[in-house]
PDB file of N, CA and C in Angstrom:
ATOM      1  N   MET A   1      -4.505 -12.238  29.061  1.00  0.00           N
ATOM      2  CA  MET A   1      -4.130 -13.203  29.994  1.00  0.00           C
ATOM      3  C   MET A   1      -3.117 -12.775  31.114  1.00  0.00           C
ATOM      4  N   SER A   2      -2.184 -11.849  30.655  1.00  0.00           N
ATOM      5  CA  SER A   2      -1.290 -11.281  31.586  1.00  0.00           C
ATOM      6  C   SER A   2      -1.829 -10.432  32.627  1.00  0.00           C
ATOM      7  N   ASN A   3      -2.981  -9.832  32.312  1.00  0.00           N
ATOM      8  CA  ASN A   3      -3.652  -8.954  33.334  1.00  0.00           C
ATOM      9  C   ASN A   3      -4.107  -9.856  34.482  1.00  0.00           C
ATOM     10  N   PHE A   4      -4.590 -11.028  34.199  1.00  0.00           N
ATOM     11  CA  PHE A   4      -5.083 -11.960  35.244  1.00  0.00           C
ATOM     12  C   PHE A   4      -3.970 -12.255  36.293  1.00  0.00           C
ATOM     13  N   TRP A   5      -2.765 -12.598  35.676  1.00  0.00           N
ATOM     14  CA  TRP A   5      -1.611 -12.954  36.500  1.00  0.00           C
ATOM     15  C   TRP A   5      -1.044 -11.790  37.140  1.00  0.00           C
ATOM     16  N   ASP A   6      -1.133 -10.668  36.560  1.00  0.00           N
ATOM     17  CA  ASP A   6      -0.720  -9.341  37.303  1.00  0.00           C
ATOM     18  C   ASP A   6      -1.595  -9.176  38.508  1.00  0.00           C
ATOM     19  N   ILE A   7      -2.911  -9.335  38.375  1.00  0.00           N
ATOM     20  CA  ILE A   7      -3.788  -9.168  39.443  1.00  0.00           C
ATOM     21  C   ILE A   7      -3.531 -10.180  40.577  1.00  0.00           C
ATOM     22  N   VAL A   8      -3.333 -11.443  40.125  1.00  0.00           N
ATOM     23  CA  VAL A   8      -2.983 -12.481  41.061  1.00  0.00           C
ATOM     24  C   VAL A   8      -1.663 -12.138  41.862  1.00  0.00           C
ATOM     25  N   TRP A   9      -0.719 -11.690  41.137  1.00  0.00           N
ATOM     26  CA  TRP A   9       0.502 -11.335  41.677  1.00  0.00           C
ATOM     27  C   TRP A   9       0.412 -10.153  42.621  1.00  0.00           C
ATOM     28  N   LEU A  10      -0.388  -9.171  42.252  1.00  0.00           N
ATOM     29  CA  LEU A  10      -0.677  -7.968  43.079  1.00  0.00           C
ATOM     30  C   LEU A  10      -1.294  -8.414  44.452  1.00  0.00           C
ATOM     31  N   MET A  11      -2.351  -9.323  44.290  1.00  0.00           N
ATOM     32  CA  MET A  11      -3.026  -9.758  45.578  1.00  0.00           C
ATOM     33  C   MET A  11      -2.122 -10.515  46.425  1.00  0.00           C
ATOM     34  N   LEU A  12      -1.326 -11.365  45.897  1.00  0.00           N
ATOM     35  CA  LEU A  12      -0.427 -12.235  46.693  1.00  0.00           C
ATOM     36  C   LEU A  12       0.620 -11.366  47.341  1.00  0.00           C
ATOM     37  N   SER A  13       1.216 -10.393  46.630  1.00  0.00           N
ATOM     38  CA  SER A  13       2.236  -9.527  47.181  1.00  0.00           C
ATOM     39  C   SER A  13       1.623  -8.640  48.281  1.00  0.00           C
ATOM     40  N   THR A  14       0.421  -8.182  48.053  1.00  0.00           N
ATOM     41  CA  THR A  14      -0.266  -7.393  49.037  1.00  0.00           C
ATOM     42  C   THR A  14      -0.524  -8.191  50.364  1.00  0.00           C
ATOM     43  N   PHE A  15      -0.926  -9.321  50.136  1.00  0.00           N
ATOM     44  CA  PHE A  15      -1.157 -10.212  51.303  1.00  0.00           C
ATOM     45  C   PHE A  15       0.129 -10.470  52.086  1.00  0.00           C
ATOM     46  N   VAL A  16       1.259 -10.807  51.466  1.00  0.00           N
ATOM     47  CA  VAL A  16       2.494 -11.025  52.056  1.00  0.00           C
ATOM     48  C   VAL A  16       2.919  -9.711  52.775  1.00  0.00           C
ATOM     49  N   PHE A  17       2.761  -8.537  52.146  1.00  0.00           N
ATOM     50  CA  PHE A  17       3.248  -7.237  52.755  1.00  0.00           C
ATOM     51  C   PHE A  17       2.417  -6.967  54.021  1.00  0.00           C
ATOM     52  N   VAL A  18       1.098  -7.150  53.907  1.00  0.00           N
ATOM     53  CA  VAL A  18       0.232  -6.912  55.147  1.00  0.00           C
ATOM     54  C   VAL A  18       0.634  -7.855  56.245  1.00  0.00           C
ATOM     55  N   ALA A  19       0.886  -9.088  55.930  1.00  0.00           N
ATOM     56  CA  ALA A  19       1.171 -10.076  56.905  1.00  0.00           C
ATOM     57  C   ALA A  19       2.551  -9.672  57.601  1.00  0.00           C
ATOM     58  N   TYR A  20       3.491  -9.216  56.697  1.00  0.00           N
ATOM     59  CA  TYR A  20       4.776  -8.773  57.298  1.00  0.00           C
ATOM     60  C   TYR A  20       4.507  -7.590  58.161  1.00  0.00           C
ATOM     61  N   LEU A  21       3.751  -6.595  57.808  1.00  0.00           N
ATOM     62  CA  LEU A  21       3.471  -5.361  58.691  1.00  0.00           C
ATOM     63  C   LEU A  21       2.932  -5.863  60.016  1.00  0.00           C
ATOM     64  N   LEU A  22       1.927  -6.837  59.985  1.00  0.00           N
ATOM     65  CA  LEU A  22       1.397  -7.314  61.206  1.00  0.00           C
ATOM     66  C   LEU A  22       2.387  -7.966  62.105  1.00  0.00           C
ATOM     67  N   ILE A  23       3.267  -8.692  61.484  1.00  0.00           N
ATOM     68  CA  ILE A  23       4.298  -9.387  62.362  1.00  0.00           C
ATOM     69  C   ILE A  23       5.267  -8.235  62.848  1.00  0.00           C
ATOM     70  N   LEU A  24       5.695  -7.350  61.986  1.00  0.00           N
ATOM     71  CA  LEU A  24       6.530  -6.308  62.481  1.00  0.00           C
ATOM     72  C   LEU A  24       5.922  -5.443  63.665  1.00  0.00           C
ATOM     73  N   PHE A  25       4.642  -5.182  63.548  1.00  0.00           N
ATOM     74  CA  PHE A  25       3.939  -4.512  64.618  1.00  0.00           C
ATOM     75  C   PHE A  25       3.986  -5.309  65.885  1.00  0.00           C
ATOM     76  N   GLN A  26       3.671  -6.565  65.774  1.00  0.00           N
ATOM     77  CA  GLN A  26       3.710  -7.487  66.925  1.00  0.00           C
ATOM     78  C   GLN A  26       5.071  -7.503  67.596  1.00  0.00           C
ATOM     79  N   ILE A  27       6.092  -7.502  66.765  1.00  0.00           N
ATOM     80  CA  ILE A  27       7.468  -7.530  67.324  1.00  0.00           C
ATOM     81  C   ILE A  27       7.720  -6.232  68.034  1.00  0.00           C
ATOM     82  N   LEU A  28       7.278  -5.176  67.506  1.00  0.00           N
ATOM     83  CA  LEU A  28       7.561  -3.830  68.096  1.00  0.00           C
ATOM     84  C   LEU A  28       6.824  -3.751  69.532  1.00  0.00           C
ATOM     85  N   VAL A  29       5.590  -4.253  69.521  1.00  0.00           N
ATOM     86  CA  VAL A  29       4.789  -4.256  70.806  1.00  0.00           C
ATOM     87  C   VAL A  29       5.550  -5.146  71.765  1.00  0.00           C
ATOM     88  N   ASP A  30       5.957  -6.324  71.310  1.00  0.00           N
ATOM     89  CA  ASP A  30       6.550  -7.244  72.244  1.00  0.00           C
ATOM     90  C   ASP A  30       7.845  -6.678  72.721  1.00  0.00           C
ATOM     91  N   LEU A  31       8.653  -5.893  71.988  1.00  0.00           N
ATOM     92  CA  LEU A  31       9.880  -5.352  72.407  1.00  0.00           C
ATOM     93  C   LEU A  31       9.643  -4.392  73.507  1.00  0.00           C
ATOM     94  N   PHE A  32       8.618  -3.572  73.437  1.00  0.00           N
ATOM     95  CA  PHE A  32       8.411  -2.526  74.462  1.00  0.00           C
ATOM     96  C   PHE A  32       7.562  -3.073  75.649  1.00  0.00           C
ATOM     97  N   ARG A  33       6.977  -4.301  75.448  1.00  0.00           N
ATOM     98  CA  ARG A  33       6.257  -4.913  76.591  1.00  0.00           C
ATOM     99  C   ARG A  33       7.098  -5.696  77.480  1.00  0.00           C
ATOM    100  N   ASP A  34       8.233  -6.141  77.061  1.00  0.00           N
ATOM    101  CA  ASP A  34       9.127  -7.067  77.823  1.00  0.00           C
ATOM    102  C   ASP A  34      10.009  -6.296  78.766  1.00  0.00           C
ATOM    103  N   PRO A  35       9.692  -6.421  80.090  1.00  0.00           N
ATOM    104  CA  PRO A  35      10.369  -5.706  81.138  1.00  0.00           C
ATOM    105  C   PRO A  35      11.834  -6.318  81.398  1.00  0.00           C
ATOM    106  N   ASP A  36      12.065  -7.523  81.013  1.00  0.00           N
ATOM    107  CA  ASP A  36      13.281  -8.165  81.226  1.00  0.00           C
ATOM    108  C   ASP A  36      14.412  -7.802  80.230  1.00  0.00           C
ATOM    109  N   LEU A  37      13.993  -7.226  79.103  1.00  0.00           N
ATOM    110  CA  LEU A  37      14.962  -6.853  78.056  1.00  0.00           C
ATOM    111  C   LEU A  37      15.304  -5.474  78.309  1.00  0.00           C
ATOM    112  N   GLY A  38      16.626  -5.198  78.371  1.00  0.00           N
ATOM    113  CA  GLY A  38      17.302  -3.876  78.656  1.00  0.00           C
ATOM    114  C   GLY A  38      17.144  -2.940  77.516  1.00  0.00           C
ATOM    115  N   GLY A  39      17.273  -1.676  77.798  1.00  0.00           N
ATOM    116  CA  GLY A  39      17.148  -0.639  76.750  1.00  0.00           C
ATOM    117  C   GLY A  39      18.138  -0.717  75.630  1.00  0.00           C
ATOM    118  N   GLY A  40      19.384  -1.208  75.965  1.00  0.00           N
ATOM    119  CA  GLY A  40      20.381  -1.374  74.837  1.00  0.00           C
ATOM    120  C   GLY A  40      19.987  -2.473  73.950  1.00  0.00           C
ATOM    121  N   ALA A  41      19.478  -3.583  74.446  1.00  0.00           N
ATOM    122  CA  ALA A  41      19.023  -4.681  73.617  1.00  0.00           C
ATOM    123  C   ALA A  41      17.819  -4.221  72.744  1.00  0.00           C
ATOM    124  N   LYS A  42      16.897  -3.478  73.350  1.00  0.00           N
ATOM    125  CA  LYS A  42      15.860  -2.993  72.548  1.00  0.00           C
ATOM    126  C   LYS A  42      16.320  -2.115  71.469  1.00  0.00           C
ATOM    127  N   ALA A  43      17.244  -1.227  71.692  1.00  0.00           N
ATOM    128  CA  ALA A  43      17.756  -0.372  70.676  1.00  0.00           C
ATOM    129  C   ALA A  43      18.416  -1.172  69.542  1.00  0.00           C
ATOM    130  N   ILE A  44      19.194  -2.214  69.902  1.00  0.00           N
ATOM    131  CA  ILE A  44      19.843  -2.972  68.918  1.00  0.00           C
ATOM    132  C   ILE A  44      18.830  -3.727  68.067  1.00  0.00           C
ATOM    133  N   TRP A  45      17.698  -4.281  68.678  1.00  0.00           N
ATOM    134  CA  TRP A  45      16.713  -4.926  67.876  1.00  0.00           C
ATOM    135  C   TRP A  45      16.008  -3.922  66.932  1.00  0.00           C
ATOM    136  N   LEU A  46      15.720  -2.754  67.456  1.00  0.00           N
ATOM    137  CA  LEU A  46      15.045  -1.712  66.569  1.00  0.00           C
ATOM    138  C   LEU A  46      15.946  -1.361  65.421  1.00  0.00           C
ATOM    139  N   ILE A  47      17.245  -1.096  65.678  1.00  0.00           N
ATOM    140  CA  ILE A  47      18.195  -0.763  64.641  1.00  0.00           C
ATOM    141  C   ILE A  47      18.259  -1.887  63.589  1.00  0.00           C
ATOM    142  N   ALA A  48      18.325  -3.062  64.016  1.00  0.00           N
ATOM    143  CA  ALA A  48      18.380  -4.255  63.112  1.00  0.00           C
ATOM    144  C   ALA A  48      17.037  -4.322  62.247  1.00  0.00           C
ATOM    145  N   LEU A  49      15.849  -4.070  63.052  1.00  0.00           N
ATOM    146  CA  LEU A  49      14.594  -4.042  62.247  1.00  0.00           C
ATOM    147  C   LEU A  49      14.541  -2.942  61.166  1.00  0.00           C
ATOM    148  N   ILE A  50      15.273  -1.870  61.384  1.00  0.00           N
ATOM    149  CA  ILE A  50      15.218  -0.797  60.390  1.00  0.00           C
ATOM    150  C   ILE A  50      16.221  -1.192  59.198  1.00  0.00           C
ATOM    151  N   PHE A  51      17.324  -1.692  59.512  1.00  0.00           N
ATOM    152  CA  PHE A  51      18.277  -1.952  58.295  1.00  0.00           C
ATOM    153  C   PHE A  51      18.149  -3.298  57.684  1.00  0.00           C
ATOM    154  N   LEU A  52      17.806  -4.334  58.446  1.00  0.00           N
ATOM    155  CA  LEU A  52      17.547  -5.716  57.858  1.00  0.00           C
ATOM    156  C   LEU A  52      16.255  -6.199  58.375  1.00  0.00           C
ATOM    157  N   PRO A  53      15.175  -5.603  57.899  1.00  0.00           N
ATOM    158  CA  PRO A  53      13.876  -5.856  58.516  1.00  0.00           C
ATOM    159  C   PRO A  53      13.367  -7.414  58.365  1.00  0.00           C
ATOM    160  N   MET A  54      13.518  -7.929  57.254  1.00  0.00           N
ATOM    161  CA  MET A  54      12.962  -9.295  57.023  1.00  0.00           C
ATOM    162  C   MET A  54      13.760 -10.315  57.856  1.00  0.00           C
ATOM    163  N   LEU A  55      15.039 -10.273  57.733  1.00  0.00           N
ATOM    164  CA  LEU A  55      16.037 -11.116  58.397  1.00  0.00           C
ATOM    165  C   LEU A  55      15.799 -10.950  59.974  1.00  0.00           C
ATOM    166  N   THR A  56      15.777  -9.717  60.397  1.00  0.00           N
ATOM    167  CA  THR A  56      15.615  -9.499  61.843  1.00  0.00           C
ATOM    168  C   THR A  56      14.353  -9.999  62.396  1.00  0.00           C
ATOM    169  N   ALA A  57      13.238  -9.798  61.607  1.00  0.00           N
ATOM    170  CA  ALA A  57      11.984 -10.318  62.064  1.00  0.00           C
ATOM    171  C   ALA A  57      11.945 -11.744  62.178  1.00  0.00           C
ATOM    172  N   LEU A  58      12.515 -12.429  61.150  1.00  0.00           N
ATOM    173  CA  LEU A  58      12.629 -13.979  61.240  1.00  0.00           C
ATOM    174  C   LEU A  58      13.423 -14.465  62.407  1.00  0.00           C
ATOM    175  N   ILE A  59      14.583 -13.801  62.675  1.00  0.00           N
ATOM    176  CA  ILE A  59      15.358 -14.172  63.844  1.00  0.00           C
ATOM    177  C   ILE A  59      14.731 -13.910  65.115  1.00  0.00           C
ATOM    178  N   TYR A  60      13.981 -12.760  65.215  1.00  0.00           N
ATOM    179  CA  TYR A  60      13.292 -12.434  66.439  1.00  0.00           C
ATOM    180  C   TYR A  60      12.164 -13.471  66.795  1.00  0.00           C
ATOM    181  N   VAL A  61      11.442 -13.845  65.712  1.00  0.00           N
ATOM    182  CA  VAL A  61      10.348 -14.744  65.949  1.00  0.00           C
ATOM    183  C   VAL A  61      10.930 -16.165  66.276  1.00  0.00           C
ATOM    184  N   ILE A  62      11.975 -16.497  65.728  1.00  0.00           N
ATOM    185  CA  ILE A  62      12.678 -17.831  66.095  1.00  0.00           C
ATOM    186  C   ILE A  62      13.317 -17.777  67.438  1.00  0.00           C
ATOM    187  N   ALA A  63      13.910 -16.691  67.771  1.00  0.00           N
ATOM    188  CA  ALA A  63      14.671 -16.631  69.118  1.00  0.00           C
ATOM    189  C   ALA A  63      13.726 -16.332  70.237  1.00  0.00           C
ATOM    190  N   ARG A  64      12.694 -15.510  70.084  1.00  0.00           N
ATOM    191  CA  ARG A  64      11.930 -14.974  71.134  1.00  0.00           C
ATOM    192  C   ARG A  64      10.436 -15.358  71.012  1.00  0.00           C
ATOM    193  N   GLY A  65      10.022 -16.208  70.134  1.00  0.00           N
ATOM    194  CA  GLY A  65       8.649 -16.534  69.760  1.00  0.00           C
ATOM    195  C   GLY A  65       7.867 -17.065  70.926  1.00  0.00           C
ATOM    196  N   ARG A  66       8.483 -17.922  71.675  1.00  0.00           N
ATOM    197  CA  ARG A  66       7.821 -18.555  72.893  1.00  0.00           C
ATOM    198  C   ARG A  66       7.543 -17.486  73.881  1.00  0.00           C
ATOM    199  N   GLY A  67       8.551 -16.652  74.182  1.00  0.00           N
ATOM    200  CA  GLY A  67       8.346 -15.529  75.131  1.00  0.00           C
ATOM    201  C   GLY A  67       7.216 -14.571  74.656  1.00  0.00           C
ATOM    202  N   MET A  68       7.192 -14.314  73.341  1.00  0.00           N
ATOM    203  CA  MET A  68       6.175 -13.440  72.759  1.00  0.00           C
ATOM    204  C   MET A  68       4.704 -13.917  73.194  1.00  0.00           C
ATOM    205  N   ALA A  69       4.522 -15.242  73.027  1.00  0.00           N
ATOM    206  CA  ALA A  69       3.228 -15.827  73.344  1.00  0.00           C
ATOM    207  C   ALA A  69       2.977 -15.644  74.830  1.00  0.00           C
ATOM    208  N   ALA A  70       3.965 -15.839  75.736  1.00  0.00           N
ATOM    209  CA  ALA A  70       3.730 -15.846  77.188  1.00  0.00           C
ATOM    210  C   ALA A  70       3.466 -14.307  77.571  1.00  0.00           C
ATOM    211  N   ARG A  71       4.234 -13.362  76.988  1.00  0.00           N
ATOM    212  CA  ARG A  71       3.998 -11.971  77.284  1.00  0.00           C
ATOM    213  C   ARG A  71       2.612 -11.491  76.873  1.00  0.00           C
ATOM    214  N   GLN A  72       2.176 -11.968  75.615  1.00  0.00           N
ATOM    215  CA  GLN A  72       0.873 -11.633  75.118  1.00  0.00           C
ATOM    216  C   GLN A  72      -0.190 -12.175  75.983  1.00  0.00           C
ATOM    217  N   GLN A  73      -0.038 -13.387  76.492  1.00  0.00           N
ATOM    218  CA  GLN A  73      -1.043 -14.001  77.301  1.00  0.00           C
ATOM    219  C   GLN A  73      -1.141 -13.248  78.703  1.00  0.00           C
ATOM    220  N   ALA A  74       0.009 -12.866  79.219  1.00  0.00           N
ATOM    221  CA  ALA A  74       0.079 -12.215  80.548  1.00  0.00           C
ATOM    222  C   ALA A  74      -0.596 -10.846  80.366  1.00  0.00           C
ATOM    223  N   ALA A  75      -0.351 -10.134  79.223  1.00  0.00           N
ATOM    224  CA  ALA A  75      -0.926  -8.817  78.993  1.00  0.00           C
ATOM    225  C   ALA A  75      -2.415  -8.894  78.922  1.00  0.00           C
ATOM    226  N   MET A  76      -2.915  -9.970  78.271  1.00  0.00           N
ATOM    227  CA  MET A  76      -4.397 -10.175  78.104  1.00  0.00           C
ATOM    228  C   MET A  76      -5.051 -10.494  79.490  1.00  0.00           C
ATOM    229  N   GLN A  77      -4.358 -11.296  80.235  1.00  0.00           N
ATOM    230  CA  GLN A  77      -4.871 -11.580  81.563  1.00  0.00           C
ATOM    231  C   GLN A  77      -4.908 -10.355  82.456  1.00  0.00           C
ATOM    232  N   LYS A  78      -3.872  -9.553  82.401  1.00  0.00           N
ATOM    233  CA  LYS A  78      -3.865  -8.323  83.134  1.00  0.00           C
ATOM    234  C   LYS A  78      -4.939  -7.372  82.659  1.00  0.00           C
ATOM    235  N   ALA A  79      -5.186  -7.173  81.390  1.00  0.00           N
ATOM    236  CA  ALA A  79      -6.244  -6.373  80.881  1.00  0.00           C
ATOM    237  C   ALA A  79      -7.646  -6.941  81.321  1.00  0.00           C
ATOM    238  N   LYS A  80      -7.793  -8.158  81.267  1.00  0.00           N
ATOM    239  CA  LYS A  80      -9.023  -8.774  81.754  1.00  0.00           C
ATOM    240  C   LYS A  80      -9.299  -8.528  83.267  1.00  0.00           C
ATOM    241  N   ALA A  81      -8.279  -8.711  84.064  1.00  0.00           N
ATOM    242  CA  ALA A  81      -8.405  -8.391  85.470  1.00  0.00           C
ATOM    243  C   ALA A  81      -8.744  -6.983  85.735  1.00  0.00           C
ATOM    244  N   GLU A  82      -8.052  -5.998  84.997  1.00  0.00           N
ATOM    245  CA  GLU A  82      -8.337  -4.642  85.281  1.00  0.00           C
ATOM    246  C   GLU A  82      -9.797  -4.283  84.742  1.00  0.00           C
ATOM    247  N   THR A  83     -10.186  -4.918  83.695  1.00  0.00           N
ATOM    248  CA  THR A  83     -11.601  -4.662  83.196  1.00  0.00           C
ATOM    249  C   THR A  83     -12.589  -5.212  84.223  1.00  0.00           C
ATOM    250  N   ASP A  84     -12.358  -6.394  84.707  1.00  0.00           N
ATOM    251  CA  ASP A  84     -13.236  -6.962  85.719  1.00  0.00           C
ATOM    252  C   ASP A  84     -13.373  -6.048  86.998  1.00  0.00           C
ATOM    253  N   ALA A  85     -12.168  -5.666  87.429  1.00  0.00           N
ATOM    254  CA  ALA A  85     -12.128  -4.696  88.504  1.00  0.00           C
ATOM    255  C   ALA A  85     -12.883  -3.381  88.380  1.00  0.00           C
ATOM    256  N   TYR A  86     -12.699  -2.946  87.173  1.00  0.00           N
ATOM    257  CA  TYR A  86     -13.413  -1.682  86.768  1.00  0.00           C
ATOM    258  C   TYR A  86     -14.883  -1.908  86.710  1.00  0.00           C
ATOM    259  N   ILE A  87     -15.383  -2.968  86.191  1.00  0.00           N
ATOM    260  CA  ILE A  87     -16.741  -3.291  86.150  1.00  0.00           C
ATOM    261  C   ILE A  87     -17.381  -3.524  87.488  1.00  0.00           C
ATOM    262  N   ARG A  88     -16.572  -4.221  88.383  1.00  0.00           N
ATOM    263  CA  ARG A  88     -17.146  -4.391  89.766  1.00  0.00           C
ATOM    264  C   ARG A  88     -17.204  -3.044  90.519  1.00  0.00           C
ATOM    265  N   HIS A  89     -16.257  -2.082  90.155  1.00  0.00           N
ATOM    266  CA  HIS A  89     -16.255  -0.767  90.773  1.00  0.00           C
ATOM    267  C   HIS A  89     -17.407   0.020  90.351  1.00  0.00           C
ATOM    268  N   VAL A  90     -17.719   0.014  89.046  1.00  0.00           N
ATOM    269  CA  VAL A  90     -18.754   0.877  88.437  1.00  0.00           C
ATOM    270  C   VAL A  90     -20.091   0.220  88.787  1.00  0.00           C
ATOM    271  N   ALA A  91     -20.147  -1.079  88.740  1.00  0.00           N
ATOM    272  CA  ALA A  91     -21.490  -1.704  89.025  1.00  0.00           C
ATOM    273  C   ALA A  91     -22.022  -1.390  90.325  1.00  0.00           C
ATOM    274  N   GLY A  92     -21.149  -1.070  91.285  1.00  0.00           N
ATOM    275  CA  GLY A  92     -21.647  -0.812  92.649  1.00  0.00           C
ATOM    276  C   GLY A  92     -22.006  -2.006  93.496  1.00  0.00           C
ATOM    277  N   LYS A  93     -23.011  -1.766  94.267  1.00  0.00           N
ATOM    278  CA  LYS A  93     -23.556  -2.813  95.209  1.00  0.00           C
ATOM    279  C   LYS A  93     -24.550  -3.759  94.540  1.00  0.00           C
ATOM    280  N   SER A  94     -24.587  -4.918  95.052  1.00  0.00           N
ATOM    281  CA  SER A  94     -25.622  -5.915  94.594  1.00  0.00           C
ATOM    282  C   SER A  94     -27.013  -5.472  95.107  1.00  0.00           C
ATOM    283  N   PRO A  95     -28.112  -5.955  94.561  1.00  0.00           N
ATOM    284  CA  PRO A  95     -29.435  -5.640  94.983  1.00  0.00           C
ATOM    285  C   PRO A  95     -29.652  -5.870  96.422  1.00  0.00           C
ATOM    286  N   ALA A  96     -29.176  -6.948  96.979  1.00  0.00           N
ATOM    287  CA  ALA A  96     -29.309  -7.285  98.361  1.00  0.00           C
ATOM    288  C   ALA A  96     -28.649  -6.250  99.317  1.00  0.00           C
ATOM    289  N   GLU A  97     -27.523  -5.770  98.854  1.00  0.00           N
ATOM    290  CA  GLU A  97     -26.809  -4.718  99.628  1.00  0.00           C
ATOM    291  C   GLU A  97     -27.597  -3.397  99.552  1.00  0.00           C
ATOM    292  N   GLN A  98     -28.051  -3.019  98.422  1.00  0.00           N
ATOM    293  CA  GLN A  98     -28.925  -1.883  98.159  1.00  0.00           C
ATOM    294  C   GLN A  98     -30.209  -1.922  99.056  1.00  0.00           C
ATOM    295  N   ILE A  99     -30.866  -3.039  99.145  1.00  0.00           N
ATOM    296  CA  ILE A  99     -32.074  -3.202  99.983  1.00  0.00           C
ATOM    297  C   ILE A  99     -31.660  -3.147 101.451  1.00  0.00           C
ATOM    298  N   ALA A 100     -30.461  -3.726 101.883  1.00  0.00           N
ATOM    299  CA  ALA A 100     -30.095  -3.628 103.218  1.00  0.00           C
ATOM    300  C   ALA A 100     -29.761  -2.181 103.682  1.00  0.00           C
ATOM    301  N   ASP A 101     -29.111  -1.444 102.729  1.00  0.00           N
ATOM    302  CA  ASP A 101     -28.845   0.007 103.026  1.00  0.00           C
ATOM    303  C   ASP A 101     -30.174   0.726 103.182  1.00  0.00           C
ATOM    304  N   ALA A 102     -31.114   0.474 102.252  1.00  0.00           N
ATOM    305  CA  ALA A 102     -32.422   1.195 102.322  1.00  0.00           C
ATOM    306  C   ALA A 102     -33.193   0.800 103.661  1.00  0.00           C
ATOM    307  N   LYS A 103     -33.090  -0.386 104.026  1.00  0.00           N
ATOM    308  CA  LYS A 103     -33.704  -0.865 105.291  1.00  0.00           C
ATOM    309  C   LYS A 103     -33.057  -0.181 106.490  1.00  0.00           C
ATOM    310  N   ALA A 104     -31.768  -0.051 106.367  1.00  0.00           N
ATOM    311  CA  ALA A 104     -31.111   0.719 107.581  1.00  0.00           C
ATOM    312  C   ALA A 104     -31.635   2.071 107.587  1.00  0.00           C
ATOM    313  N   LEU A 105     -31.777   2.721 106.510  1.00  0.00           N
ATOM    314  CA  LEU A 105     -32.280   4.110 106.395  1.00  0.00           C
ATOM    315  C   LEU A 105     -33.719   4.204 106.922  1.00  0.00           C
ATOM    316  N   LEU A 106     -34.512   3.169 106.541  1.00  0.00           N
ATOM    317  CA  LEU A 106     -35.954   3.138 107.061  1.00  0.00           C
ATOM    318  C   LEU A 106     -35.933   2.963 108.562  1.00  0.00           C
ATOM    319  N   ASP A 107     -35.049   2.048 109.118  1.00  0.00           N
ATOM    320  CA  ASP A 107     -35.060   1.742 110.570  1.00  0.00           C
ATOM    321  C   ASP A 107     -34.579   3.040 111.315  1.00  0.00           C
ATOM    322  N   ALA A 108     -33.682   3.848 110.615  1.00  0.00           N
ATOM    323  CA  ALA A 108     -33.222   4.987 111.357  1.00  0.00           C
ATOM    324  C   ALA A 108     -34.187   6.228 111.173  1.00  0.00           C
ATOM    325  N   GLY A 109     -35.165   5.991 110.386  1.00  0.00           N
ATOM    326  CA  GLY A 109     -36.283   7.039 110.248  1.00  0.00           C
ATOM    327  C   GLY A 109     -35.865   8.015 109.277  1.00  0.00           C
ATOM    328  N   THR A 110     -34.853   7.784 108.407  1.00  0.00           N
ATOM    329  CA  THR A 110     -34.418   8.744 107.443  1.00  0.00           C
ATOM    330  C   THR A 110     -35.348   8.852 106.297  1.00  0.00           C
ATOM    331  N   ILE A 111     -35.853   7.716 105.860  1.00  0.00           N
ATOM    332  CA  ILE A 111     -36.798   7.616 104.774  1.00  0.00           C
ATOM    333  C   ILE A 111     -38.089   7.037 105.245  1.00  0.00           C
ATOM    334  N   SER A 112     -39.107   7.270 104.469  1.00  0.00           N
ATOM    335  CA  SER A 112     -40.558   6.732 104.723  1.00  0.00           C
ATOM    336  C   SER A 112     -40.671   5.385 104.174  1.00  0.00           C
ATOM    337  N   PRO A 113     -41.651   4.623 104.576  1.00  0.00           N
ATOM    338  CA  PRO A 113     -41.929   3.304 104.050  1.00  0.00           C
ATOM    339  C   PRO A 113     -42.191   3.280 102.530  1.00  0.00           C
ATOM    340  N   GLU A 114     -42.796   4.396 102.034  1.00  0.00           N
ATOM    341  CA  GLU A 114     -43.026   4.472 100.615  1.00  0.00           C
ATOM    342  C   GLU A 114     -41.715   4.620  99.811  1.00  0.00           C
ATOM    343  N   GLU A 115     -40.768   5.509 100.465  1.00  0.00           N
ATOM    344  CA  GLU A 115     -39.455   5.689  99.835  1.00  0.00           C
ATOM    345  C   GLU A 115     -38.749   4.301  99.725  1.00  0.00           C
ATOM    346  N   PHE A 116     -38.896   3.623 100.929  1.00  0.00           N
ATOM    347  CA  PHE A 116     -38.238   2.372 101.042  1.00  0.00           C
ATOM    348  C   PHE A 116     -38.734   1.371  99.955  1.00  0.00           C
ATOM    349  N   ALA A 117     -40.047   1.397  99.753  1.00  0.00           N
ATOM    350  CA  ALA A 117     -40.630   0.491  98.754  1.00  0.00           C
ATOM    351  C   ALA A 117     -40.118   0.887  97.307  1.00  0.00           C
ATOM    352  N   LYS A 118     -39.963   2.234  97.101  1.00  0.00           N
ATOM    353  CA  LYS A 118     -39.386   2.606  95.807  1.00  0.00           C
ATOM    354  C   LYS A 118     -37.993   2.135  95.592  1.00  0.00           C
ATOM    355  N   LEU A 119     -37.180   2.293  96.671  1.00  0.00           N
ATOM    356  CA  LEU A 119     -35.819   1.872  96.560  1.00  0.00           C
ATOM    357  C   LEU A 119     -35.704   0.380  96.370  1.00  0.00           C
ATOM    358  N   LYS A 120     -36.542  -0.372  97.056  1.00  0.00           N
ATOM    359  CA  LYS A 120     -36.553  -1.857  96.951  1.00  0.00           C
ATOM    360  C   LYS A 120     -36.838  -2.247  95.535  1.00  0.00           C
ATOM    361  N   ALA A 121     -38.005  -1.611  94.970  1.00  0.00           N
ATOM    362  CA  ALA A 121     -38.366  -1.942  93.683  1.00  0.00           C
ATOM    363  C   ALA A 121     -37.260  -1.593  92.622  1.00  0.00           C
ATOM    364  N   LYS A 122     -36.604  -0.468  92.861  1.00  0.00           N
ATOM    365  CA  LYS A 122     -35.548  -0.049  91.905  1.00  0.00           C
ATOM    366  C   LYS A 122     -34.329  -1.028  92.008  1.00  0.00           C
ATOM    367  N   ALA A 123     -34.044  -1.501  93.231  1.00  0.00           N
ATOM    368  CA  ALA A 123     -32.879  -2.427  93.354  1.00  0.00           C
ATOM    369  C   ALA A 123     -33.252  -3.825  92.771  1.00  0.00           C
ATOM    370  N   LEU A 124     -34.549  -4.236  92.804  1.00  0.00           N
ATOM    371  CA  LEU A 124     -34.901  -5.473  92.290  1.00  0.00           C
ATOM    372  C   LEU A 124     -35.159  -5.457  90.793  1.00  0.00           C
ATOM    373  N   ALA A 125     -35.223  -4.268  90.235  1.00  0.00           N
ATOM    374  CA  ALA A 125     -35.533  -4.100  88.730  1.00  0.00           C
ATOM    375  C   ALA A 125     -34.308  -4.465  87.890  1.00  0.00           C
TER     376      ALA A 125
END
């Protein structure tokens, strides 16, 4: 019977430890993400996290929890905007723009009507 409770205790303590590590990692990310917090304050928080980790993590979440959420949201919005800009850059032109460019090349005599038809079909595909 004691083996059962040993396993339950091991699972519970492992869960608490992993949860603590996730919170600690989130605190460290937030510390270095915050541009308003000076280097000295960051160093003090880091030293406190090393010597009194549980207490410091609890104090940090209580004192700066709301700001953590705002900074996380701002970082996610920035990442989404950068991703959208990258996708727009990589995706290139719309099919209508590609057809218009091909038509301009056809009108200039640079490409033949057959080549224009191929480019048009490719843009519409």
